[in-house]
Amino acid sequence: MKRKAKINIDLELDENNVPENINWHASDSDFKNKDAKAISLSIWDGVDKSTLKINLWTKEMMAEEMKFFTIQMLDSLGDNYLKSVGDKKISKLIKNFAKELGKKIDVVK
C-alpha cells in the first residue's frame, strides 16, 4: 500500500529576502516543528538531467557552523553515494576528501 509523506519548510524573511528563521516539519516525524539555522536541498530533475539547489542560512548562522555544516554534508554525500551506487571505493574517496578538507579548515581533528 502506497502512502504519502510531506516535508514542509517555512521561512521568515527580512526586507532583503534574507532568512531570519527557518522552521521545518516532516509528516512522519514525532515532533511538531523544528528550527534550523541552515538548509541545503538538492532536487534531481530526471527530464533535464540537472539539479536544483536551494541553499539558505539565517543571519545567526556563524561562519564556524557553516564550515562544520559543509564538511558534514560532504561526508554524508559519501554515505549517500555508497548507499545509492554501491561503490565503496568512490564513497571512501569522498569521505576522505571531507575529512582532509575538514582538517584544513580546522573543524576536524
Protein backbone atom coordinates (compact mmCIF):
# COMPACT_ATOMS: atom_id res chain seq x y z
CA MET A 1 0.00 0.00 0.00
CA LYS A 2 1.37 3.39 -1.00
CA ARG A 3 1.38 6.29 1.38
CA LYS A 4 2.35 9.92 1.20
CA ALA A 5 4.66 11.95 3.39
CA LYS A 6 5.35 15.67 3.38
CA ILE A 7 8.27 17.82 4.39
CA ASN A 8 7.38 21.45 4.97
CA ILE A 9 9.93 24.25 5.19
CA ASP A 10 8.80 27.67 6.40
CA LEU A 11 10.96 30.76 6.07
CA GLU A 12 10.67 34.14 7.73
CA LEU A 13 12.48 36.66 5.54
CA ASP A 14 13.64 40.18 6.22
CA GLU A 15 13.05 43.12 3.85
CA ASN A 16 16.00 41.94 1.70
CA ASN A 17 14.70 38.34 1.50
CA VAL A 18 17.40 37.08 3.86
CA PRO A 19 16.12 34.27 6.11
CA GLU A 20 15.67 35.30 9.72
CA ASN A 21 14.09 32.00 10.72
CA ILE A 22 13.93 28.55 9.15
CA ASN A 23 11.40 26.08 10.51
CA TRP A 24 10.61 22.61 9.19
CA HIS A 25 8.33 19.69 9.85
CA ALA A 26 8.06 16.21 8.36
CA SER A 27 4.71 14.43 8.43
CA ASP A 28 6.39 11.17 9.52
CA SER A 29 8.29 12.81 12.39
CA ASP A 30 7.45 12.73 16.06
CA PHE A 31 7.91 16.47 16.52
CA LYS A 32 5.71 19.39 15.52
CA ASN A 33 8.20 21.99 14.27
CA LYS A 34 11.97 22.17 14.30
CA ASP A 35 14.10 25.29 13.99
CA ALA A 36 17.16 25.29 11.74
CA LYS A 37 19.93 27.77 11.04
CA ALA A 38 20.64 26.49 7.52
CA ILE A 39 19.25 24.25 4.82
CA SER A 40 20.82 22.71 1.75
CA LEU A 41 18.38 20.99 -0.55
CA SER A 42 19.15 19.32 -3.89
CA ILE A 43 16.42 18.10 -6.21
CA TRP A 44 17.23 15.98 -9.27
CA ASP A 45 15.26 16.75 -12.44
CA GLY A 46 15.36 13.49 -14.37
CA VAL A 47 14.00 15.09 -17.54
CA ASP A 48 16.51 17.95 -17.74
CA LYS A 49 19.25 15.86 -16.08
CA SER A 50 20.08 18.74 -13.77
CA THR A 51 20.00 19.59 -10.09
CA LEU A 52 18.01 22.37 -8.49
CA LYS A 53 19.90 23.57 -5.45
CA ILE A 54 18.49 25.63 -2.60
CA ASN A 55 20.99 26.83 0.00
CA LEU A 56 19.76 29.14 2.73
CA TRP A 57 21.03 30.18 6.12
CA THR A 58 19.89 32.58 8.77
CA LYS A 59 21.72 35.65 9.99
CA GLU A 60 22.55 33.74 13.19
CA MET A 61 24.48 31.00 11.32
CA MET A 62 28.09 31.62 12.26
CA ALA A 63 30.93 31.00 9.78
CA GLU A 64 32.36 28.27 12.01
CA GLU A 65 28.99 26.47 12.00
CA MET A 66 28.80 26.80 8.21
CA LYS A 67 32.23 25.20 7.88
CA PHE A 68 31.16 22.24 10.01
CA PHE A 69 27.81 22.01 8.19
CA THR A 70 29.61 21.87 4.83
CA ILE A 71 32.00 19.13 5.98
CA GLN A 72 29.09 17.09 7.37
CA MET A 73 27.25 17.43 4.04
CA LEU A 74 30.33 16.22 2.13
CA ASP A 75 30.75 13.26 4.49
CA SER A 76 27.06 12.44 4.10
CA LEU A 77 27.47 12.58 0.33
CA GLY A 78 29.96 9.72 0.64
CA ASP A 79 27.39 7.69 2.60
CA ASN A 80 24.69 8.52 0.06
CA TYR A 81 26.95 7.52 -2.83
CA LEU A 82 27.66 4.14 -1.24
CA LYS A 83 24.00 3.52 -0.48
CA SER A 84 22.72 4.55 -3.91
CA VAL A 85 25.51 3.38 -6.23
CA GLY A 86 27.23 0.73 -4.13
CA ASP A 87 30.75 1.92 -4.99
CA LYS A 88 32.83 1.61 -1.81
CA LYS A 89 36.00 2.97 -3.42
CA ILE A 90 34.46 6.27 -4.53
CA SER A 91 32.45 6.57 -1.31
CA LYS A 92 35.66 6.28 0.68
CA LEU A 93 37.34 8.83 -1.59
CA ILE A 94 34.52 11.33 -0.96
CA LYS A 95 34.60 10.73 2.79
CA ASN A 96 38.41 11.05 2.90
CA PHE A 97 38.17 14.32 0.96
CA ALA A 98 35.64 15.62 3.51
CA LYS A 99 37.95 14.62 6.37
CA GLU A 100 41.03 16.23 4.82
CA LEU A 101 39.14 19.42 3.96
CA GLY A 102 37.75 19.48 7.50
CA LYS A 103 41.32 19.33 8.85
CA LYS A 104 42.43 22.19 6.58
CA ILE A 105 39.62 24.46 7.81
CA ASP A 106 40.05 23.33 11.44
CA VAL A 107 36.73 21.64 12.05
CA VAL A 108 38.08 18.07 12.12
CA LYS A 109 40.98 16.92 14.28
